[in-house]
Protein backbone atom coordinates (compact mmCIF):
# COMPACT_ATOMS: atom_id res chain seq x y z
CA UNK A 1 15.32 52.53 182.98
CA UNK A 2 12.92 50.61 180.87
CA UNK A 3 14.88 47.19 179.44
CA UNK A 4 12.86 45.51 176.52
CA UNK A 5 13.03 42.35 175.58
CA UNK A 6 11.67 40.95 172.41
CA UNK A 7 10.05 37.69 171.56
CA UNK A 8 9.13 36.15 168.49
CA UNK A 9 6.54 33.27 167.68
CA UNK A 10 2.92 32.75 167.97
CA UNK A 11 0.84 34.90 170.70
CA UNK A 12 4.43 36.18 171.88
CA UNK A 13 4.88 39.67 172.82
CA UNK A 14 7.51 42.45 173.66
CA UNK A 15 7.79 42.94 177.67
CA UNK A 16 9.19 45.52 179.41
CA UNK A 17 11.41 44.75 182.05
CA UNK A 18 13.10 47.57 184.64
CA UNK A 19 16.16 48.05 185.23
CA UNK A 20 17.10 48.79 189.28
CA UNK A 21 18.81 52.32 190.38
CA UNK A 22 19.12 50.86 193.71
CA UNK A 23 22.56 50.85 195.49
CA UNK A 24 23.48 47.33 196.14
CA UNK A 25 25.44 48.31 198.87
CA UNK A 26 28.76 48.30 200.09
CA UNK A 27 31.12 45.39 199.09
CA UNK A 28 32.83 43.70 195.66
CA UNK A 29 30.29 42.27 193.45
CA UNK A 30 31.39 39.46 190.87
CA UNK A 31 29.72 39.90 187.97
CA UNK A 32 29.26 37.10 185.32
CA UNK A 33 28.69 38.27 181.68
CA UNK A 34 28.07 36.61 178.51
CA UNK A 35 30.29 34.64 176.86
CA UNK A 36 28.39 35.29 173.12
CA UNK A 37 24.87 36.06 172.84
CA UNK A 38 24.64 39.64 174.81
CA UNK A 39 21.35 38.72 175.91
CA UNK A 40 22.25 35.81 178.26
CA UNK A 41 23.30 38.69 180.69
CA UNK A 42 20.89 38.43 184.17
CA UNK A 43 18.86 41.36 185.18
CA UNK A 44 20.19 41.30 188.31
CA UNK A 45 23.74 42.20 186.37
CA UNK A 46 22.52 44.80 184.91
CA UNK A 47 20.72 46.10 188.02
CA UNK A 48 24.43 45.96 189.40
CA UNK A 49 26.25 47.40 186.73
CA UNK A 50 24.00 50.38 186.53
CA UNK A 51 23.64 50.92 190.06
CA UNK A 52 27.18 49.89 191.30
CA UNK A 53 29.61 52.80 192.00
CA UNK A 54 32.82 51.82 190.90
CA UNK A 55 33.24 49.41 187.64
CA UNK A 56 35.99 47.07 187.03
CA UNK A 57 37.27 44.57 184.28
CA UNK A 58 39.45 42.44 182.81
CA UNK A 59 38.89 44.03 179.84
CA UNK A 60 37.35 47.63 179.90
CA UNK A 61 36.37 47.82 176.42
CA UNK A 62 34.38 45.01 176.43
CA UNK A 63 32.81 45.54 179.64
CA UNK A 64 31.77 49.19 177.65
CA UNK A 65 30.60 47.78 174.71
CA UNK A 66 28.14 45.54 176.97
CA UNK A 67 27.00 48.15 178.96
CA UNK A 68 26.29 50.30 175.32
CA UNK A 69 23.92 47.23 173.96
CA UNK A 70 21.58 47.52 177.27
CA UNK A 71 21.38 50.84 177.65
CA UNK A 72 23.51 51.90 180.63
CA UNK A 73 25.02 54.64 181.19
CA UNK A 74 28.35 55.45 182.81
CA UNK A 75 27.13 58.96 184.44
CA UNK A 76 31.11 59.42 185.20
CA UNK A 77 31.42 56.40 186.77
CA UNK A 78 34.94 55.29 187.44
CA UNK A 79 35.68 52.15 185.10
CA UNK A 80 39.07 50.19 186.40
CA UNK A 81 41.20 47.68 184.01
CA UNK A 82 41.96 45.16 186.14
CA UNK A 83 43.91 42.15 184.54
CA UNK A 84 46.65 39.90 185.06
CA UNK A 85 49.35 43.03 183.81
CA UNK A 86 48.55 45.31 186.13
CA UNK A 87 46.42 43.42 189.16
CA UNK A 88 48.90 44.29 191.75
CA UNK A 89 48.99 47.98 190.68
CA UNK A 90 45.23 48.33 190.86
CA UNK A 91 44.02 45.86 193.78
CA UNK A 92 44.90 48.45 196.45
CA UNK A 93 42.63 51.27 194.42
CA UNK A 94 39.69 48.82 194.26
CA UNK A 95 40.43 47.44 197.97
CA UNK A 96 40.42 51.48 198.95
CA UNK A 97 37.21 52.34 197.57
CA UNK A 98 35.53 49.45 199.28
CA UNK A 99 37.17 51.20 202.14
CA UNK A 100 35.23 54.47 201.62
CA UNK A 101 31.76 52.03 201.54
CA UNK A 102 31.57 51.99 198.18
CA UNK A 103 30.06 49.41 195.74
CA UNK A 104 32.25 47.68 193.28
CA UNK A 105 31.30 45.78 190.15
CA UNK A 106 34.11 43.48 188.91
CA UNK A 107 33.25 41.43 185.33
CA UNK A 108 35.64 39.10 183.49
CA UNK A 109 36.62 39.33 179.81
CA UNK A 110 34.04 36.96 179.25
CA UNK A 111 31.70 34.18 181.66
CA UNK A 112 32.11 34.20 185.20
CA UNK A 113 34.20 36.28 187.52
CA UNK A 114 37.48 33.97 189.14
CA UNK A 115 37.47 31.38 186.82
CA UNK A 116 40.55 31.23 184.68
CA UNK A 117 40.70 34.86 185.30
CA UNK A 118 43.05 36.78 187.63
CA UNK A 119 39.58 38.26 189.64
CA UNK A 120 40.63 35.74 192.39
CA UNK A 121 43.03 37.51 194.16
CA UNK A 122 41.19 40.74 194.50
CA UNK A 123 38.26 38.29 195.89
CA UNK A 124 40.93 36.86 198.64
CA UNK A 125 42.34 39.94 199.49
CA UNK A 126 38.62 41.99 200.03
CA UNK A 127 37.64 38.85 201.91
CA UNK A 128 40.86 39.04 204.23
CA UNK A 129 40.23 42.60 204.65
CA UNK A 130 36.41 42.26 206.04
CA UNK A 131 34.46 42.97 202.84
CA UNK A 132 31.30 41.70 201.83
CA UNK A 133 32.15 39.72 198.52
CA UNK A 134 29.08 38.63 196.96
CA UNK A 135 29.12 36.49 193.21
CA UNK A 136 26.00 37.74 190.95
CA UNK A 137 26.07 33.91 189.22
CA UNK A 138 25.02 33.89 185.25
CA UNK A 139 27.26 32.18 182.25
CA UNK A 140 30.27 30.32 182.29
CA UNK A 141 31.91 28.79 179.35
CA UNK A 142 32.93 25.59 181.55
CA UNK A 143 29.05 24.87 182.72
CA UNK A 144 28.00 25.40 179.52
CA UNK A 145 29.78 22.79 177.25
CA UNK A 146 29.35 20.44 180.47
CA UNK A 147 25.36 21.03 179.85
CA UNK A 148 25.90 20.05 176.49
CA UNK A 149 28.97 17.43 175.86
CA UNK A 150 26.72 14.44 177.09
CA UNK A 151 29.21 13.15 179.09
CA UNK A 152 28.88 12.27 182.61
CA UNK A 153 28.29 15.50 185.13
CA UNK A 154 27.47 13.97 188.15
CA UNK A 155 31.58 14.33 188.89
CA UNK A 156 33.76 17.02 187.09
CA UNK A 157 36.92 18.43 187.08
CA UNK A 158 38.62 22.25 185.86
CA UNK A 159 42.12 21.98 185.15
CA UNK A 160 41.89 25.88 183.05
CA UNK A 161 44.67 26.64 180.78
CA UNK A 162 47.18 23.43 179.75
CA UNK A 163 50.99 24.83 179.73
CA UNK A 164 52.36 25.76 176.13
CA UNK A 165 55.26 23.58 176.15
CA UNK A 166 54.97 20.22 175.13
CA UNK A 167 57.55 18.46 178.19
CA UNK A 168 55.24 20.62 180.56
CA UNK A 169 51.85 19.98 178.89
CA UNK A 170 52.53 15.71 178.48
CA UNK A 171 53.50 16.30 183.05
CA UNK A 172 49.73 18.40 183.10
CA UNK A 173 48.32 15.82 181.37
CA UNK A 174 49.29 12.92 183.61
CA UNK A 175 48.27 15.07 187.03
CA UNK A 176 44.63 14.53 185.96
CA UNK A 177 44.45 11.47 183.36
CA UNK A 178 43.78 9.32 186.20
CA UNK A 179 41.09 11.19 188.04
CA UNK A 180 37.47 9.39 187.82
CA UNK A 181 35.78 12.24 186.52
CA UNK A 182 34.64 14.27 183.30
CA UNK A 183 37.89 16.96 182.79
CA UNK A 184 37.19 20.54 181.55
CA UNK A 185 40.00 22.23 179.48
CA UNK A 186 40.06 25.95 177.91
CA UNK A 187 42.60 25.64 175.27
CA UNK A 188 43.97 28.39 172.46
CA UNK A 189 41.69 27.32 169.76
CA UNK A 190 45.47 27.21 167.49
CA UNK A 191 46.66 24.38 170.13
CA UNK A 192 44.21 22.16 170.35
CA UNK A 193 45.28 19.55 167.57
CA UNK A 194 48.95 19.08 169.86
CA UNK A 195 46.64 18.85 173.07
CA UNK A 196 44.51 15.68 171.26
CA UNK A 197 48.10 14.41 170.24
CA UNK A 198 49.64 14.32 173.61
CA UNK A 199 46.29 12.91 175.15
CA UNK A 200 47.01 10.23 171.86
CA UNK A 201 50.23 9.22 173.40
CA UNK A 202 49.03 6.73 175.98
CA UNK A 203 45.07 7.23 175.35
CA UNK A 204 43.95 8.07 172.37
CA UNK A 205 40.45 6.26 172.90
CA UNK A 206 39.48 8.38 175.60
CA UNK A 207 35.66 10.00 174.83
CA UNK A 208 36.55 13.35 173.77
CA UNK A 209 33.87 16.62 173.51
CA UNK A 210 35.28 19.81 171.92
CA UNK A 211 32.77 23.05 172.26
CA UNK A 212 33.38 26.12 169.75
CA UNK A 213 31.91 29.16 169.91
CA UNK A 214 29.06 28.44 172.28
CA UNK A 215 26.36 30.57 172.40
CA UNK A 216 27.28 32.24 169.46
CA UNK A 217 26.18 32.42 165.30
CA UNK A 218 28.42 29.19 164.74
CA UNK A 219 28.68 27.54 167.34
CA UNK A 220 29.80 23.62 167.03
CA UNK A 221 29.98 20.67 169.05
CA UNK A 222 31.99 17.69 167.94
CA UNK A 223 31.68 14.16 170.21
CA UNK A 224 33.94 11.24 169.28
CA UNK A 225 37.38 9.71 170.68
CA UNK A 226 40.59 11.96 171.26
CA UNK A 227 42.17 10.38 168.15
CA UNK A 228 38.66 10.78 166.14
CA UNK A 229 38.84 14.16 166.74
CA UNK A 230 42.81 14.62 166.15
CA UNK A 231 41.96 13.46 162.80
CA UNK A 232 39.64 16.13 162.20
CA UNK A 233 41.50 19.20 163.03
CA UNK A 234 43.29 20.85 160.29
CA UNK A 235 47.10 21.80 161.15
CA UNK A 236 45.97 24.89 161.71
CA UNK A 237 43.87 24.46 164.44
CA UNK A 238 40.28 25.90 164.96
CA UNK A 239 38.48 29.23 165.20
CA UNK A 240 36.89 30.80 168.14
CA UNK A 241 36.31 30.26 171.70
CA UNK A 242 37.46 26.83 172.79
CA UNK A 243 36.41 24.47 175.74
CA UNK A 244 37.48 20.98 175.70
CA UNK A 245 36.26 18.23 177.88
CA UNK A 246 37.24 14.33 177.94
CA UNK A 247 34.98 11.48 179.49
CA UNK A 248 36.14 9.28 182.84
CA UNK A 249 39.17 7.12 181.83
CA UNK A 250 38.91 3.79 180.87
CA UNK A 251 39.23 1.11 183.40
CA UNK A 252 42.70 -0.13 183.91
CA UNK A 253 43.18 -4.03 184.17
CA UNK A 254 43.50 -4.80 188.01
CA UNK A 255 46.09 -8.00 186.85
CA UNK A 256 49.15 -8.40 189.05
CA UNK A 257 51.46 -7.44 186.04
CA UNK A 258 49.36 -4.27 186.16
CA UNK A 259 49.77 -3.70 189.88
CA UNK A 260 53.38 -4.40 189.94
CA UNK A 261 54.49 -1.96 187.19
CA UNK A 262 52.62 0.90 188.48
CA UNK A 263 54.06 0.23 192.16
CA UNK A 264 57.57 0.27 190.62
CA UNK A 265 57.03 3.78 188.99
CA UNK A 266 56.38 4.76 192.64
CA UNK A 267 58.24 2.91 195.24
CA UNK A 268 61.54 4.69 194.40
CA UNK A 269 59.62 7.77 194.94
CA UNK A 270 57.43 7.44 197.49
CA UNK A 271 57.18 5.05 200.80
CA UNK A 272 55.51 2.11 200.57
CA UNK A 273 52.01 3.14 202.68
CA UNK A 274 51.93 6.15 199.81
CA UNK A 275 52.71 4.13 197.12
CA UNK A 276 50.25 1.53 197.99
CA UNK A 277 47.17 4.13 198.92
CA UNK A 278 47.96 5.95 195.21
CA UNK A 279 47.50 2.44 193.06
CA UNK A 280 44.81 1.20 195.02
CA UNK A 281 42.67 4.56 194.26
CA UNK A 282 43.61 4.34 190.89
CA UNK A 283 42.58 0.49 190.38
CA UNK A 284 39.66 0.77 192.94
CA UNK A 285 41.39 -2.13 194.63
CA UNK A 286 41.26 -2.24 198.87
CA UNK A 287 44.40 -0.78 200.14
CA UNK A 288 45.29 -3.70 202.28
CA UNK A 289 45.90 -5.84 199.15
CA UNK A 290 48.15 -3.53 197.38
CA UNK A 291 49.75 -2.39 200.23
CA UNK A 292 50.81 -6.31 200.70
CA UNK A 293 51.95 -6.32 197.40
CA UNK A 294 53.90 -3.02 197.54
CA UNK A 295 55.96 -4.75 200.46
CA UNK A 296 56.33 -7.98 198.84
CA UNK A 297 57.93 -6.04 196.27
CA UNK A 298 60.33 -3.98 198.17
CA UNK A 299 61.29 -6.88 200.03
CA UNK A 300 62.36 -8.48 197.22
CA UNK A 301 64.37 -5.47 196.15
CA UNK A 302 66.26 -5.20 198.98
CA UNK A 303 67.03 -9.06 198.66
CA UNK A 304 68.01 -8.29 195.29
CA UNK A 305 70.56 -5.72 196.24
CA UNK A 306 71.78 -8.13 198.76
CA UNK A 307 72.42 -10.68 196.43
CA UNK A 308 74.57 -7.77 194.29
CA UNK A 309 76.67 -6.63 197.32
């Protein structure tokens, strides 16, 4: 199969690229697909989509459209829907195909499979059963957003989608808020404003980047603090696919009142050693020093209880 790549610009010329028809061999192939621009597909992904025995996708309509764009016919092959609502029913059939020595290509709705999609159970069960599992790297909304954000990329944490309920979302924010890393979030465009409102309750000045419609015609990257971007978002939210990134947290003052406050919130729930370790990590202090203060506070608390008795 010939695949034409048109290029524009002085001295540029069109190239004809061949899509292979060779079988990829038995196994599960996790195929990254474009997040917007169809030409972001890799040649290896086209090879596997062209030659695999079975095609599985989170949304078969999207995969069928992608195949049509690149001129890859189904040729009577099975196109299996595999998503959150039918994964438990469909997984045995896909594993059975692998057991017959077939090659299965699985594509998520857009981007890299297993990143905030149901494919991880399929990959886990295939690996546990002894089948070959291979990744075909390619587009990823999380990494594309990190690349253009201008935020530190030496350490980052992907936390997926926030809970929809406000209370659960606040607890979810607390779970990563103190991590010394750039945090990457997938969010519904209609709920981005609520996410920033919740963060601003405790950290309004956190560096924030919102990436919208990455690789598409109306791509937009917004920079500012959480409070600044909150003020720019209309009440009805945004439009299009959204990735939100938060820079590293601001250093926390390590004075004794701050340490006592942090320890006091944990000593009722955790052993002294564990509470001291968590606070020491949060403030970047030696554990021995924080542990000594925690022991002192525990004794003070016990002494106070005895006097009341």
